[in-house]
Protein backbone atom coordinates (compact mmCIF):
# COMPACT_ATOMS: atom_id res chain seq x y z
CA MET A 1 -6.50 7.64 5.70
CA LEU A 2 -5.15 5.92 8.99
CA GLY A 3 -7.35 2.69 8.20
CA TYR A 4 -5.06 2.77 4.67
CA VAL A 5 -2.23 3.34 6.81
CA ASP A 6 -3.03 0.95 9.25
CA ALA A 7 -3.93 -1.53 6.83
CA LEU A 8 -0.53 -0.83 4.48
CA ASN A 9 1.37 -2.12 8.45
CA ALA A 10 -0.31 -4.91 8.87
CA VAL A 11 0.85 -6.09 5.18
CA ASN A 12 3.96 -5.23 6.09
CA GLU A 13 4.22 -7.48 9.22
CA VAL A 14 2.95 -10.41 7.20
CA MET A 15 5.02 -9.81 4.19
CA ARG A 16 7.96 -9.78 6.28
CA ALA A 17 6.90 -12.62 8.64
CA ALA A 18 6.43 -14.97 5.35
CA ILE A 19 9.35 -13.91 3.82
CA PRO A 20 12.28 -12.98 6.08
CA SER A 21 14.24 -11.94 3.59
CA LEU A 22 12.21 -9.18 3.04
CA GLU A 23 14.19 -6.01 5.05
CA ARG A 24 11.13 -3.49 3.78
CA LEU A 25 8.46 -4.09 1.48
CA ALA A 26 9.62 -2.36 -1.46
CA ASP A 27 11.76 -5.45 -1.47
CA VAL A 28 9.20 -7.88 -3.22
CA LEU A 29 10.12 -6.23 -6.32
CA GLY A 30 13.43 -6.87 -6.61
CA LEU A 31 12.55 -10.55 -5.78
CA VAL A 32 10.01 -10.61 -8.24
CA HIS A 33 12.46 -8.85 -11.22
CA SER A 34 15.10 -11.53 -9.77
CA ARG A 35 12.48 -14.43 -10.35
CA ARG A 36 12.55 -15.64 -6.60
CA ILE A 37 9.13 -14.82 -5.96
CA SER A 38 6.33 -14.87 -8.54
CA ARG A 39 4.71 -11.54 -9.92
CA SER A 40 1.55 -12.71 -8.23
CA GLY A 41 0.51 -15.22 -5.32
CA GLN A 42 -0.80 -15.67 -1.96
CA VAL A 43 1.23 -15.08 1.66
CA GLY A 44 -0.75 -15.59 4.28
CA THR A 45 -4.19 -13.96 4.31
CA TYR A 46 -2.97 -11.62 0.84
CA SER A 47 -3.14 -12.23 -2.11
CA TYR A 48 -0.52 -10.20 -3.76
CA THR A 49 0.20 -9.16 -7.84
CA VAL A 50 2.96 -6.86 -8.59
CA HIS A 51 2.71 -4.09 -10.87
CA GLY A 52 5.03 -1.19 -12.55
CA ALA A 53 6.18 0.11 -9.44
CA GLY A 54 4.82 -1.16 -6.87
CA CYS A 55 2.22 -3.94 -5.47
CA ARG A 56 -1.44 -4.24 -4.93
CA PHE A 57 -2.35 -6.89 -1.79
CA VAL A 58 -6.10 -8.30 -1.50
CA SER A 59 -6.88 -9.41 2.13
CA ASP A 60 -8.93 -11.88 2.47
CA ASN A 61 -11.89 -10.11 3.08
CA GLY A 62 -11.85 -8.18 0.09
CA THR A 63 -10.13 -5.12 1.06
CA GLU A 64 -7.50 -3.71 -0.90
CA VAL A 65 -4.61 -1.64 -0.44
CA ASP A 66 -2.24 -0.61 -3.59
CA VAL A 67 0.88 1.07 -3.12
CA ASP A 68 3.99 1.87 -4.98
CA PHE A 69 7.60 2.41 -4.33
CA ALA A 70 9.49 5.56 -4.44
CA ALA A 71 13.24 4.93 -5.41
CA ASP A 72 14.88 4.99 -1.95
CA GLY A 73 12.04 2.31 -1.42
CA SER A 74 9.31 4.07 0.56
CA GLU A 75 5.65 3.06 0.42
CA ILE A 76 3.92 6.13 -1.39
CA PHE A 77 -0.11 6.59 -2.28
CA ASP A 78 -1.70 8.60 -4.35
CA LEU A 79 -5.58 9.45 -3.75
CA TRP A 80 -6.87 6.72 -6.21
CA ARG A 81 -5.15 3.91 -4.17
CA LEU A 82 -6.96 5.79 -1.20
CA ARG A 83 -10.17 5.98 -3.23
CA TRP A 84 -9.84 2.08 -4.02
CA TYR A 85 -9.27 1.29 -0.16
CA GLY A 86 -12.00 2.73 0.76
CA LEU A 87 -14.42 1.06 -1.72
CA SER A 88 -12.46 -2.01 -1.13
CA LEU A 89 -13.92 -1.96 2.68
CA PRO A 90 -16.71 -4.62 3.84
CA GLU A 91 -18.78 -1.51 3.91
CA PRO A 92 -17.63 0.47 1.11
CA LEU A 93 -16.59 4.52 1.90
CA ASP A 94 -16.73 6.49 -1.26
CA VAL A 95 -15.22 9.69 -0.60
CA ALA A 96 -14.82 12.55 -3.53
CA ASP A 97 -11.40 13.24 -4.35
CA GLN A 98 -12.02 17.16 -2.51
CA ASP A 99 -12.55 15.18 0.84
CA LEU A 100 -9.75 12.91 0.21
CA ARG A 101 -7.63 15.46 -0.46
CA THR A 102 -8.47 17.53 2.05
CA ALA A 103 -8.40 14.47 4.59
CA VAL A 104 -4.91 13.64 3.73
CA ARG A 105 -3.77 17.45 3.89
CA SER A 106 -4.97 17.31 7.45
CA LEU A 107 -3.28 14.77 8.35
CA ARG A 108 0.43 15.94 8.26
CA PRO A 109 2.10 14.69 10.42
CA PRO A 110 1.65 11.60 9.93
CA LEU A 111 1.34 11.88 6.19
CA ALA A 112 3.57 14.08 4.19
CA GLU A 113 3.51 14.87 0.84
CA VAL A 114 6.33 13.66 -1.07
CA ARG A 115 5.26 14.92 -4.55
CA PRO A 116 2.55 16.83 -5.86
CA GLY A 117 -0.28 14.51 -4.88
CA TRP A 118 1.89 11.20 -3.43
CA PHE A 119 1.87 10.49 0.12
CA SER A 120 3.78 8.88 2.25
CA VAL A 121 3.69 8.07 6.46
CA ALA A 122 6.47 10.49 7.92
CA ASN A 123 8.90 8.88 9.40
């Protein structure tokens, strides 16, 4: 779980360095909607694809970080996204949903359940 958070932080740093107008990662949605950047592309060592309320980032080694954004712009994720992150690692980690749920709930803080089954990094 914390590996996903570290990977999400790394994505945030790369995106903000490459696109100085990004104050937070969620701003990528506004840039796509205003057509200032394309819906998919390459930034640094990551390819990205904007979808619905979020974005999927894939590093050059294949590690996948998919995140949605809440109405306030905070980064949120569910067990499905955590599972796909684990499966995309260079040495894949396949964890059962119940084990993921237990692990995520044991990490409060730094994680917070913002609505049933959806989590964010606590401030």
